[in-house]
Amino acid sequence: MSWFNKIERRLEPFAIHNLTLYLVIGQTFVYLSAMFGLLDVSRLVLWPVLAIHGEPWRLLTFIFIPPNSSWLFIAFALYLFYLFGSSLEQYWGALRYNFFVLTGYALTVGLSFLTPEQVATNLFIGGSVFLAFAYLNPDFVMYIFFILPVKIKWLGLLAWLGYAWSFFTGDWSERFSIIAAVGNFLIFFAHDIALSLKQGRRRMQSQAGSFSRQNDAKEPRHTCHICGKTDISHPDLDFRYCSKCAGDQCYCPEHLRAHEHVLNPHDAKS
């Protein structure tokens, strides 16, 4: 995004550094507060119809809601989110990473109002961070259950398949959340993907041309008109052309002097 590069230096002082850490701390705080009965998480979820009617804080607080699961899974999920988000911030810089998270947030909130009676989730905002990390670091190895090594590109593929499944089986609120996450990913990576596809097409064409040239190079220059021997199958033979035969008739040494001459149709009639 060249247009973004032009304003990046001016906006860099306003960037929130370690944004992922703040989000992780916020989700941890919400989880612990809810666990000890100090906080009602239902008051934080993004329910657009309530946000419109006097509860605007829901537009922001929903991003601090942790996954609805056991504490062990939540701890692991937050660790991965911090790992992926921090890596993206280090790779892109704080401002660009802020913009990535903000875009995912804005798309999620905006599309949630298309189904105002349904609750929206922040799950796919974190999912877009994972997809971005997997795209930029396809060979990064994760250890499933701390034992089985798997390249993250395959986990990214499973995530895309999961998104597709959820899109076709979920409700419209979930579908719009998926569209927001995918849209956020494409805003940042569509240009790179298009360039990769174009380069891949050129590479395939180049390989096809090289393969064709190799095949052409393997075609024999000389083939015996009688027995079919070629300079490739018999490179030690000295192939010659008969001056008495019509056309360019080639013969191996064995048949150069022992063959019937090929005549022109006019000579054959006479």
Protein backbone atom coordinates (compact mmCIF):
# COMPACT_ATOMS: atom_id res chain seq x y z
CA MET A 1 0.00 0.00 0.00
CA SER A 2 2.15 2.85 -1.29
CA TRP A 3 -0.44 5.46 -0.26
CA PHE A 4 -0.07 4.31 3.32
CA ASN A 5 3.71 4.66 3.19
CA LYS A 6 3.34 8.36 2.36
CA ILE A 7 1.53 9.19 5.60
CA GLU A 8 3.10 6.55 7.82
CA ARG A 9 5.91 8.76 9.07
CA ARG A 10 3.53 11.56 10.05
CA LEU A 11 1.20 9.24 11.95
CA GLU A 12 3.86 7.05 13.56
CA PRO A 13 4.06 9.16 16.77
CA PHE A 14 0.35 8.45 17.38
CA ALA A 15 0.71 4.66 17.07
CA ILE A 16 -0.04 2.44 20.07
CA HIS A 17 3.02 0.30 20.67
CA ASN A 18 2.54 -3.19 22.13
CA LEU A 19 -1.14 -3.09 21.20
CA THR A 20 -1.43 -6.89 21.41
CA LEU A 21 -0.17 -6.84 24.99
CA TYR A 22 -2.88 -4.36 25.99
CA LEU A 23 -5.55 -6.50 24.36
CA VAL A 24 -4.27 -9.61 26.12
CA ILE A 25 -4.18 -7.79 29.47
CA GLY A 26 -7.73 -6.54 28.89
CA GLN A 27 -9.06 -10.00 28.07
CA THR A 28 -7.25 -11.48 31.06
CA PHE A 29 -8.76 -8.84 33.32
CA VAL A 30 -12.25 -9.53 32.01
CA TYR A 31 -11.82 -13.28 32.45
CA LEU A 32 -10.58 -13.01 36.03
CA SER A 33 -13.24 -10.42 36.94
CA ALA A 34 -15.99 -12.63 35.56
CA MET A 35 -14.54 -15.71 37.29
CA PHE A 36 -14.72 -13.98 40.69
CA GLY A 37 -18.17 -12.58 39.99
CA LEU A 38 -17.02 -8.98 39.74
CA LEU A 39 -18.16 -8.44 36.18
CA ASP A 40 -21.11 -9.44 34.01
CA VAL A 41 -19.62 -10.26 30.61
CA SER A 42 -23.04 -10.00 28.96
CA ARG A 43 -22.83 -6.25 29.56
CA LEU A 44 -19.73 -6.10 27.34
CA VAL A 45 -20.79 -8.07 24.26
CA LEU A 46 -21.47 -6.30 20.99
CA TRP A 47 -25.24 -6.34 20.63
CA PRO A 48 -25.87 -3.59 18.07
CA VAL A 49 -29.50 -3.00 18.99
CA LEU A 50 -28.49 -2.26 22.59
CA ALA A 51 -25.53 -0.16 21.47
CA ILE A 52 -27.97 2.02 19.55
CA HIS A 53 -30.34 2.34 22.50
CA GLY A 54 -28.15 3.78 25.22
CA GLU A 55 -25.27 1.32 25.64
CA PRO A 56 -22.57 2.59 23.24
CA TRP A 57 -19.70 1.15 25.32
CA ARG A 58 -20.47 -2.23 23.78
CA LEU A 59 -18.89 -0.98 20.54
CA LEU A 60 -15.52 -1.08 22.31
CA THR A 61 -15.74 -3.46 25.24
CA PHE A 62 -16.49 -6.53 23.13
CA ILE A 63 -12.87 -6.68 21.95
CA PHE A 64 -11.82 -7.47 25.54
CA ILE A 65 -14.01 -10.54 25.85
CA PRO A 66 -11.84 -13.71 25.98
CA PRO A 67 -12.80 -16.96 24.21
CA ASN A 68 -15.62 -18.90 25.83
CA SER A 69 -13.67 -21.92 26.96
CA SER A 70 -11.60 -23.43 29.78
CA TRP A 71 -8.89 -21.38 31.44
CA LEU A 72 -6.20 -23.59 29.90
CA PHE A 73 -7.45 -23.02 26.35
CA ILE A 74 -7.87 -19.30 27.02
CA ALA A 75 -4.30 -19.02 28.32
CA PHE A 76 -2.98 -20.85 25.25
CA ALA A 77 -5.11 -18.77 22.86
CA LEU A 78 -3.96 -15.50 24.43
CA TYR A 79 -0.35 -16.65 24.29
CA LEU A 80 -0.66 -17.39 20.57
CA PHE A 81 -2.46 -14.10 19.95
CA TYR A 82 0.35 -12.24 21.70
CA LEU A 83 2.97 -14.20 19.73
CA PHE A 84 1.34 -13.56 16.35
CA GLY A 85 0.37 -9.95 17.03
CA SER A 86 3.76 -8.97 18.42
CA SER A 87 5.50 -10.56 15.45
CA LEU A 88 3.29 -8.63 13.03
CA GLU A 89 3.98 -5.38 14.88
CA GLN A 90 7.70 -6.04 14.74
CA TYR A 91 7.51 -6.85 11.02
CA TRP A 92 5.19 -4.01 9.97
CA GLY A 93 5.84 -1.43 12.61
CA ALA A 94 3.39 -0.26 15.26
CA LEU A 95 1.36 2.06 13.04
CA ARG A 96 0.66 -0.44 10.28
CA TYR A 97 -0.23 -3.13 12.80
CA ASN A 98 -2.55 -0.67 14.56
CA PHE A 99 -4.19 0.03 11.24
CA PHE A 100 -4.60 -3.70 10.56
CA VAL A 101 -6.32 -4.32 13.90
CA LEU A 102 -8.38 -1.14 13.56
CA THR A 103 -9.56 -2.13 10.08
CA GLY A 104 -10.66 -5.55 11.31
CA TYR A 105 -12.42 -3.91 14.25
CA ALA A 106 -14.17 -1.30 12.09
CA LEU A 107 -15.36 -3.89 9.56
CA THR A 108 -16.65 -6.15 12.33
CA VAL A 109 -18.55 -3.33 14.04
CA GLY A 110 -19.88 -1.90 10.79
CA LEU A 111 -21.15 -5.22 9.43
CA SER A 112 -22.65 -6.17 12.80
CA PHE A 113 -25.32 -3.51 12.29
CA LEU A 114 -26.64 -5.50 9.33
CA THR A 115 -27.90 -7.99 11.94
CA PRO A 116 -28.59 -5.69 14.90
CA GLU A 117 -30.64 -8.29 16.78
CA GLN A 118 -27.72 -10.75 16.90
CA VAL A 119 -24.58 -10.66 19.02
CA ALA A 120 -21.28 -10.12 17.17
CA THR A 121 -17.95 -11.65 18.19
CA ASN A 122 -14.32 -10.56 18.29
CA LEU A 123 -13.14 -14.09 17.48
CA PHE A 124 -12.47 -13.39 13.81
CA ILE A 125 -10.50 -10.21 14.53
CA GLY A 126 -7.95 -12.41 16.27
CA GLY A 127 -8.36 -14.90 13.44
CA SER A 128 -7.29 -12.30 10.89
CA VAL A 129 -4.12 -11.70 12.92
CA PHE A 130 -3.40 -15.43 12.74
CA LEU A 131 -4.06 -15.54 8.98
CA ALA A 132 -1.73 -12.57 8.41
CA PHE A 133 1.04 -14.20 10.44
CA ALA A 134 0.59 -17.54 8.62
CA TYR A 135 0.75 -15.79 5.25
CA LEU A 136 3.93 -13.91 6.09
CA ASN A 137 5.61 -16.85 7.87
CA PRO A 138 4.38 -19.98 6.07
CA ASP A 139 7.30 -22.14 7.25
CA PHE A 140 7.01 -21.23 10.92
CA VAL A 141 6.76 -24.48 12.88
CA MET A 142 4.27 -24.95 15.68
CA TYR A 143 4.28 -27.95 17.99
CA ILE A 144 0.82 -29.42 18.47
CA PHE A 145 0.50 -30.64 22.06
CA PHE A 146 4.14 -29.51 22.34
CA ILE A 147 5.15 -32.66 20.43
CA LEU A 148 3.94 -32.77 16.83
CA PRO A 149 5.68 -30.22 14.54
CA VAL A 150 3.40 -28.64 11.93
CA LYS A 151 4.16 -25.77 9.58
CA ILE A 152 1.78 -22.92 10.22
CA LYS A 153 0.79 -22.69 6.55
CA TRP A 154 -1.13 -25.95 6.97
CA LEU A 155 -2.85 -24.63 10.09
CA GLY A 156 -3.67 -21.51 8.10
CA LEU A 157 -5.23 -23.68 5.41
CA LEU A 158 -7.34 -25.43 8.06
CA ALA A 159 -8.40 -22.01 9.33
CA TRP A 160 -9.54 -20.99 5.84
CA LEU A 161 -11.47 -24.25 5.51
CA GLY A 162 -13.02 -23.64 8.92
CA TYR A 163 -14.04 -20.15 7.86
CA ALA A 164 -15.65 -21.56 4.72
CA TRP A 165 -17.54 -24.15 6.75
CA SER A 166 -18.71 -21.58 9.31
CA PHE A 167 -19.77 -19.22 6.53
CA PHE A 168 -22.08 -21.81 4.97
CA THR A 169 -23.39 -23.28 8.23
CA GLY A 170 -23.48 -20.29 10.60
CA ASP A 171 -25.98 -17.50 11.01
CA TRP A 172 -25.72 -14.14 9.28
CA SER A 173 -23.96 -12.50 12.21
CA GLU A 174 -21.18 -15.07 12.00
CA ARG A 175 -21.03 -14.73 8.24
CA PHE A 176 -20.58 -10.98 8.46
CA SER A 177 -17.83 -11.44 11.06
CA ILE A 178 -16.05 -13.81 8.67
CA ILE A 179 -16.47 -11.34 5.81
CA ALA A 180 -14.94 -8.64 8.03
CA ALA A 181 -11.92 -10.82 8.86
CA VAL A 182 -11.38 -11.94 5.26
CA GLY A 183 -11.91 -8.38 4.03
CA ASN A 184 -9.31 -7.13 6.47
CA PHE A 185 -6.85 -9.76 5.26
CA LEU A 186 -7.47 -8.94 1.60
CA ILE A 187 -7.08 -5.19 2.13
CA PHE A 188 -3.52 -5.83 3.25
CA PHE A 189 -2.55 -8.82 1.12
CA ALA A 190 -4.64 -8.85 -2.08
CA HIS A 191 -1.97 -6.92 -3.99
CA ASP A 192 0.78 -9.30 -2.85
CA ILE A 193 -1.35 -12.33 -3.68
CA ALA A 194 -2.06 -10.97 -7.17
CA LEU A 195 1.65 -10.38 -7.75
CA SER A 196 2.46 -13.89 -6.53
CA LEU A 197 -0.12 -15.40 -8.87
CA LYS A 198 1.25 -13.36 -11.78
CA GLN A 199 4.81 -14.41 -11.00
CA GLY A 200 3.68 -18.01 -10.63
CA ARG A 201 1.99 -17.86 -14.03
CA ARG A 202 5.15 -16.44 -15.58
CA ARG A 203 7.22 -19.13 -13.88
CA MET A 204 4.94 -21.84 -15.24
CA GLN A 205 5.14 -20.36 -18.72
CA SER A 206 8.91 -20.16 -18.47
CA GLN A 207 9.13 -23.75 -17.27
CA ALA A 208 6.80 -24.86 -20.06
CA GLY A 209 8.97 -23.05 -22.62
CA SER A 210 12.10 -24.58 -21.14
CA PHE A 211 10.51 -28.02 -21.24
CA SER A 212 9.48 -27.44 -24.85
CA ARG A 213 12.99 -26.35 -25.77
CA GLN A 214 14.39 -29.42 -24.08
CA ASN A 215 12.01 -31.61 -26.05
CA ASP A 216 12.97 -29.81 -29.24
CA ALA A 217 16.61 -30.34 -28.42
CA LYS A 218 15.95 -34.06 -28.03
CA GLU A 219 14.36 -34.38 -31.47
CA PRO A 220 16.77 -36.13 -33.85
CA ARG A 221 18.42 -34.17 -36.61
CA HIS A 222 18.98 -37.27 -38.73
CA THR A 223 16.67 -40.29 -39.14
CA CYS A 224 17.30 -43.22 -41.47
CA HIS A 225 14.55 -43.47 -44.07
CA ILE A 226 14.74 -47.31 -44.03
CA CYS A 227 15.32 -48.50 -40.47
CA GLY A 228 14.49 -45.41 -38.43
CA LYS A 229 17.80 -45.15 -36.62
CA THR A 230 18.58 -41.62 -35.45
CA ASP A 231 21.63 -39.65 -34.45
CA ILE A 232 20.25 -39.75 -30.87
CA SER A 233 19.71 -43.51 -30.68
CA HIS A 234 22.96 -44.21 -32.56
CA PRO A 235 25.25 -41.21 -32.06
CA ASP A 236 28.26 -43.18 -33.34
CA LEU A 237 26.81 -43.58 -36.87
CA ASP A 238 27.53 -41.21 -39.73
CA PHE A 239 24.22 -40.38 -41.41
CA ARG A 240 24.23 -39.21 -45.03
CA TYR A 241 21.71 -37.98 -47.61
CA CYS A 242 21.26 -39.65 -50.98
CA SER A 243 21.64 -37.23 -53.91
CA LYS A 244 19.69 -39.55 -56.22
CA CYS A 245 16.57 -39.70 -54.03
CA ALA A 246 13.82 -37.14 -54.31
CA GLY A 247 13.62 -34.92 -51.30
CA ASP A 248 15.96 -34.98 -48.33
CA GLN A 249 16.17 -38.69 -47.68
CA CYS A 250 18.60 -39.58 -44.93
CA TYR A 251 20.20 -43.00 -44.50
CA CYS A 252 22.42 -44.73 -42.01
CA PRO A 253 25.69 -46.23 -43.31
CA GLU A 254 24.03 -49.66 -43.61
CA HIS A 255 21.33 -48.44 -45.98
CA LEU A 256 23.11 -45.58 -47.72
CA ARG A 257 24.14 -47.83 -50.64
CA ALA A 258 21.49 -50.51 -50.18
CA HIS A 259 18.16 -48.87 -50.79
CA GLU A 260 15.74 -48.19 -53.56
CA HIS A 261 15.89 -44.60 -54.65
CA VAL A 262 12.90 -42.46 -53.90
CA LEU A 263 11.69 -40.97 -57.18
CA ASN A 264 9.64 -37.89 -57.95
CA PRO A 265 6.08 -38.72 -59.03
CA HIS A 266 6.86 -37.18 -62.47
CA ASP A 267 9.92 -39.43 -62.91
CA ALA A 268 7.97 -42.48 -61.79
CA LYS A 269 5.29 -41.88 -64.47
CA SER A 270 7.84 -41.48 -67.23
